[in-house]
């Protein structure tokens, strides 16, 4: 059961919502029969307030990723927000739990070729060349647990703060895989051995990646707006179970 949608910030021009893990942004070929989407939930929420305009999602999160998404209520606001994303002036922060001890500070500048999903992106045109992609990583904590994985007697994990400067598909997930520290619960780019142990022993039931803050220039008031995501019960459990140091 996917949790209810939570509105974190709202004014007459936009809102910022907390997308639960497992919820699609829009109807998708990934699941043609799924009618429960973020766009639909937002539309239902706004209709309950007698607001019946179009829902504009100006950026996206992968289905298994949870966290903050900006929704514009008008075409003009959506256009101004999209310009900020293109200019890379929107400040996004994510939390991730990944395999191994990530360096305390690390900047990854690694171009990514576009990987289209055979189902979800069946009608999309693939970019011919690799696109620049940059992500800063900062280790918030580390843990060494007496959980055997593969040929190792113990397991090492890191709680990482991720700040992407570009917005390529699966960017954080692919950059962490590139440096050999894949995210727990990542069935596409992760390690199945660690995923199995994390599920059975640590309760990692979904991708351990969450958009925890987003900052941008308000398109109408012109003031800087920074929104923080709440600590969900699932993440609270993870932060306790790993015993970070």
Protein backbone atom coordinates (compact mmCIF):
# COMPACT_ATOMS: atom_id res chain seq x y z
CA UNK A 1 0.00 0.00 0.00
CA UNK A 2 1.53 3.31 -1.11
CA UNK A 3 1.30 6.01 1.61
CA UNK A 4 -0.89 9.08 1.16
CA UNK A 5 0.44 12.14 -0.65
CA UNK A 6 1.66 14.86 1.72
CA UNK A 7 1.69 18.54 0.74
CA UNK A 8 4.75 20.20 2.30
CA UNK A 9 4.33 23.72 0.89
CA UNK A 10 1.57 25.46 -1.02
CA UNK A 11 0.62 28.94 -2.18
CA UNK A 12 -1.60 30.19 -4.99
CA UNK A 13 1.04 29.53 -7.68
CA UNK A 14 2.70 26.22 -6.79
CA UNK A 15 2.98 23.41 -4.31
CA UNK A 16 5.72 21.05 -3.17
CA UNK A 17 4.64 17.50 -2.36
CA UNK A 18 6.32 14.47 -0.82
CA UNK A 19 6.14 11.62 -3.34
CA UNK A 20 6.01 8.20 -1.68
CA UNK A 21 8.25 5.41 -3.01
CA UNK A 22 6.57 3.22 -5.61
CA UNK A 23 4.31 5.94 -7.00
CA UNK A 24 4.56 6.76 -10.71
CA UNK A 25 4.76 10.42 -11.68
CA UNK A 26 2.39 10.01 -14.66
CA UNK A 27 0.63 7.18 -16.48
CA UNK A 28 3.40 5.08 -18.01
CA UNK A 29 4.07 2.10 -20.25
CA UNK A 30 5.94 0.69 -17.25
CA UNK A 31 2.53 -0.20 -15.85
CA UNK A 32 -0.25 0.45 -18.36
CA UNK A 33 -2.99 -0.55 -15.93
CA UNK A 34 -1.81 1.64 -13.04
CA UNK A 35 -4.13 4.61 -12.51
CA UNK A 36 -2.69 5.78 -9.19
CA UNK A 37 -0.09 8.42 -10.11
CA UNK A 38 1.36 11.54 -8.52
CA UNK A 39 -0.29 13.75 -11.14
CA UNK A 40 -3.67 12.19 -10.45
CA UNK A 41 -3.32 12.51 -6.68
CA UNK A 42 -2.36 16.18 -7.00
CA UNK A 43 -5.28 16.83 -9.34
CA UNK A 44 -7.67 15.20 -6.86
CA UNK A 45 -6.18 17.22 -4.00
CA UNK A 46 -6.56 20.51 -5.89
CA UNK A 47 -10.10 19.65 -6.97
CA UNK A 48 -10.96 19.29 -3.29
CA UNK A 49 -10.00 22.95 -2.94
CA UNK A 50 -12.05 23.96 -5.99
CA UNK A 51 -8.94 24.34 -8.13
CA UNK A 52 -9.47 22.62 -11.46
CA UNK A 53 -6.54 23.80 -13.55
CA UNK A 54 -3.88 21.69 -15.24
CA UNK A 55 -1.23 20.00 -13.09
CA UNK A 56 2.31 20.89 -14.24
CA UNK A 57 5.13 18.62 -13.01
CA UNK A 58 8.31 20.49 -13.97
CA UNK A 59 10.71 17.73 -12.92
CA UNK A 60 10.45 14.08 -11.98
CA UNK A 61 11.57 11.40 -9.58
CA UNK A 62 12.00 7.75 -10.49
CA UNK A 63 9.18 5.50 -9.37
CA UNK A 64 11.13 3.91 -6.47
CA UNK A 65 12.57 7.26 -5.28
CA UNK A 66 10.71 9.20 -2.61
CA UNK A 67 10.80 12.88 -1.75
CA UNK A 68 10.08 16.41 -2.86
CA UNK A 69 8.49 17.32 -6.19
CA UNK A 70 7.48 20.84 -7.30
CA UNK A 71 4.07 21.20 -8.94
CA UNK A 72 3.17 24.41 -10.81
CA UNK A 73 -0.44 25.56 -10.98
CA UNK A 74 -0.12 27.68 -14.14
CA UNK A 75 1.67 27.51 -17.49
CA UNK A 76 3.67 30.66 -16.70
CA UNK A 77 4.93 29.38 -13.35
CA UNK A 78 5.79 26.02 -14.93
CA UNK A 79 7.77 27.75 -17.67
CA UNK A 80 9.78 29.86 -15.19
CA UNK A 81 10.55 26.83 -13.04
CA UNK A 82 11.59 24.79 -16.08
CA UNK A 83 14.03 27.57 -17.00
CA UNK A 84 15.62 27.33 -13.55
CA UNK A 85 16.07 23.58 -13.95
CA UNK A 86 17.66 24.09 -17.37
CA UNK A 87 19.98 26.74 -15.92
CA UNK A 88 20.92 24.30 -13.11
CA UNK A 89 20.06 26.95 -10.49
CA UNK A 90 17.70 24.68 -8.53
CA UNK A 91 19.47 23.22 -5.48
CA UNK A 92 18.51 19.59 -4.82
CA UNK A 93 19.66 17.39 -1.97
CA UNK A 94 19.09 13.65 -1.59
CA UNK A 95 19.85 11.05 1.05
CA UNK A 96 21.11 7.64 0.00
CA UNK A 97 22.21 4.50 1.82
CA UNK A 98 24.80 2.59 -0.15
CA UNK A 99 27.28 -0.26 -0.02
CA UNK A 100 30.77 0.32 1.37
CA UNK A 101 32.50 3.33 2.89
CA UNK A 102 32.08 6.28 0.54
CA UNK A 103 34.83 8.97 0.84
CA UNK A 104 33.92 11.81 3.22
CA UNK A 105 33.75 14.25 0.30
CA UNK A 106 33.64 13.32 -3.37
CA UNK A 107 32.76 15.14 -6.58
CA UNK A 108 31.84 12.87 -9.49
CA UNK A 109 32.00 14.29 -13.01
CA UNK A 110 31.08 11.37 -15.23
CA UNK A 111 29.12 11.71 -18.46
CA UNK A 112 26.15 9.38 -18.85
CA UNK A 113 24.80 7.88 -22.02
CA UNK A 114 21.03 7.91 -22.01
CA UNK A 115 19.54 4.58 -20.97
CA UNK A 116 15.98 4.28 -22.22
CA UNK A 117 13.65 1.75 -20.66
CA UNK A 118 12.34 -0.70 -23.27
CA UNK A 119 8.83 -0.30 -21.89
CA UNK A 120 8.62 3.05 -20.11
CA UNK A 121 10.53 4.96 -22.81
CA UNK A 122 9.41 2.97 -25.85
CA UNK A 123 8.50 6.13 -27.81
CA UNK A 124 11.37 8.36 -26.62
CA UNK A 125 14.26 9.39 -28.86
CA UNK A 126 17.65 8.48 -27.46
CA UNK A 127 20.37 11.13 -27.25
CA UNK A 128 23.25 9.93 -29.49
CA UNK A 129 26.12 10.98 -27.21
CA UNK A 130 26.94 10.86 -23.52
CA UNK A 131 25.68 13.89 -21.60
CA UNK A 132 27.67 15.68 -18.92
CA UNK A 133 26.64 14.80 -15.37
CA UNK A 134 28.01 16.04 -12.05
CA UNK A 135 27.11 15.02 -8.50
CA UNK A 136 28.69 15.98 -5.17
CA UNK A 137 28.67 13.38 -2.40
CA UNK A 138 29.24 13.88 1.33
CA UNK A 139 29.30 10.99 3.77
CA UNK A 140 26.99 11.65 6.71
CA UNK A 141 27.71 8.41 8.53
CA UNK A 142 29.06 4.89 8.15
CA UNK A 143 28.25 1.51 9.65
CA UNK A 144 29.97 -1.87 9.85
CA UNK A 145 27.58 -4.69 10.69
CA UNK A 146 28.08 -8.38 11.47
CA UNK A 147 26.07 -9.42 8.43
CA UNK A 148 27.82 -11.82 6.04
CA UNK A 149 27.42 -10.94 2.37
CA UNK A 150 28.89 -13.10 -0.38
CA UNK A 151 32.46 -13.97 0.71
CA UNK A 152 32.68 -11.21 3.35
CA UNK A 153 31.96 -11.79 7.06
CA UNK A 154 30.81 -8.20 7.63
CA UNK A 155 28.93 -5.54 5.70
CA UNK A 156 29.88 -1.89 5.35
CA UNK A 157 27.42 0.87 4.52
CA UNK A 158 27.37 4.65 4.13
CA UNK A 159 24.66 7.24 4.64
CA UNK A 160 25.38 9.80 1.93
CA UNK A 161 24.15 13.32 1.16
CA UNK A 162 23.93 13.71 -2.62
CA UNK A 163 23.81 17.03 -4.48
CA UNK A 164 23.30 16.61 -8.24
CA UNK A 165 24.14 19.58 -10.46
CA UNK A 166 22.58 18.05 -13.55
CA UNK A 167 19.42 15.99 -13.93
CA UNK A 168 20.19 12.93 -16.02
CA UNK A 169 18.02 9.84 -15.73
CA UNK A 170 19.05 7.70 -12.73
CA UNK A 171 22.02 10.07 -12.27
CA UNK A 172 22.67 9.54 -8.56
CA UNK A 173 22.05 5.81 -8.83
CA UNK A 174 24.41 5.46 -11.81
CA UNK A 175 27.12 7.69 -10.34
CA UNK A 176 27.16 5.67 -7.10
CA UNK A 177 27.30 2.46 -9.11
CA UNK A 178 30.18 3.96 -11.13
CA UNK A 179 32.24 4.51 -7.96
CA UNK A 180 31.30 1.00 -6.76
CA UNK A 181 28.97 2.12 -3.97
CA UNK A 182 25.51 1.18 -5.29
CA UNK A 183 22.38 2.20 -3.39
CA UNK A 184 20.62 -0.43 -1.30
CA UNK A 185 17.33 -1.58 -2.75
CA UNK A 186 18.32 -0.59 -6.30
CA UNK A 187 17.15 -3.50 -8.43
CA UNK A 188 18.52 -1.99 -11.64
CA UNK A 189 21.93 -0.56 -10.70
CA UNK A 190 22.53 -2.18 -7.31
CA UNK A 191 24.07 -5.34 -5.84
CA UNK A 192 21.61 -8.21 -5.48
CA UNK A 193 23.60 -9.81 -2.64
CA UNK A 194 23.49 -6.66 -0.49
CA UNK A 195 19.89 -5.99 -1.49
CA UNK A 196 18.88 -9.44 -0.25
CA UNK A 197 20.62 -9.01 3.11
CA UNK A 198 19.37 -5.42 3.54
CA UNK A 199 15.80 -6.56 2.93
CA UNK A 200 15.96 -9.54 5.28
CA UNK A 201 18.02 -8.04 8.11
CA UNK A 202 17.58 -4.26 7.92
CA UNK A 203 14.10 -3.74 6.53
CA UNK A 204 15.23 -2.02 3.34
CA UNK A 205 12.01 -2.68 1.42
CA UNK A 206 12.50 -0.01 -1.25
CA UNK A 207 15.19 2.04 -2.95
CA UNK A 208 17.15 3.87 -0.22
CA UNK A 209 17.13 7.21 -2.04
CA UNK A 210 15.10 10.23 -0.93
CA UNK A 211 14.90 13.84 -2.16
CA UNK A 212 15.12 15.65 1.19
CA UNK A 213 15.40 19.31 0.20
CA UNK A 214 14.88 21.58 -2.78
CA UNK A 215 15.69 25.28 -3.15
CA UNK A 216 14.64 27.62 -5.97
CA UNK A 217 13.71 31.20 -6.82
CA UNK A 218 9.97 31.65 -6.46
CA UNK A 219 8.72 32.48 -9.99
CA UNK A 220 6.28 35.15 -8.74
CA UNK A 221 7.60 36.59 -5.46
CA UNK A 222 11.25 36.26 -6.57
CA UNK A 223 12.31 35.20 -3.08
CA UNK A 224 14.50 32.18 -2.48
CA UNK A 225 12.39 29.27 -1.27
CA UNK A 226 13.90 26.19 0.36
CA UNK A 227 11.66 23.28 1.31
CA UNK A 228 12.66 20.40 3.59
CA UNK A 229 11.10 16.94 3.50
CA UNK A 230 9.93 15.37 6.76
CA UNK A 231 11.68 12.34 8.22
CA UNK A 232 9.41 9.44 7.32
CA UNK A 233 8.90 6.48 9.63
CA UNK A 234 10.71 4.21 7.16
CA UNK A 235 13.80 6.42 7.10
CA UNK A 236 13.68 6.86 10.87
CA UNK A 237 13.82 3.07 11.21
CA UNK A 238 16.74 2.84 8.79
CA UNK A 239 18.73 5.53 10.60
CA UNK A 240 18.26 3.62 13.87
CA UNK A 241 18.88 0.09 12.56
CA UNK A 242 22.19 0.87 10.88
CA UNK A 243 23.65 2.50 14.01
CA UNK A 244 25.55 5.18 12.10
CA UNK A 245 28.80 6.59 13.46
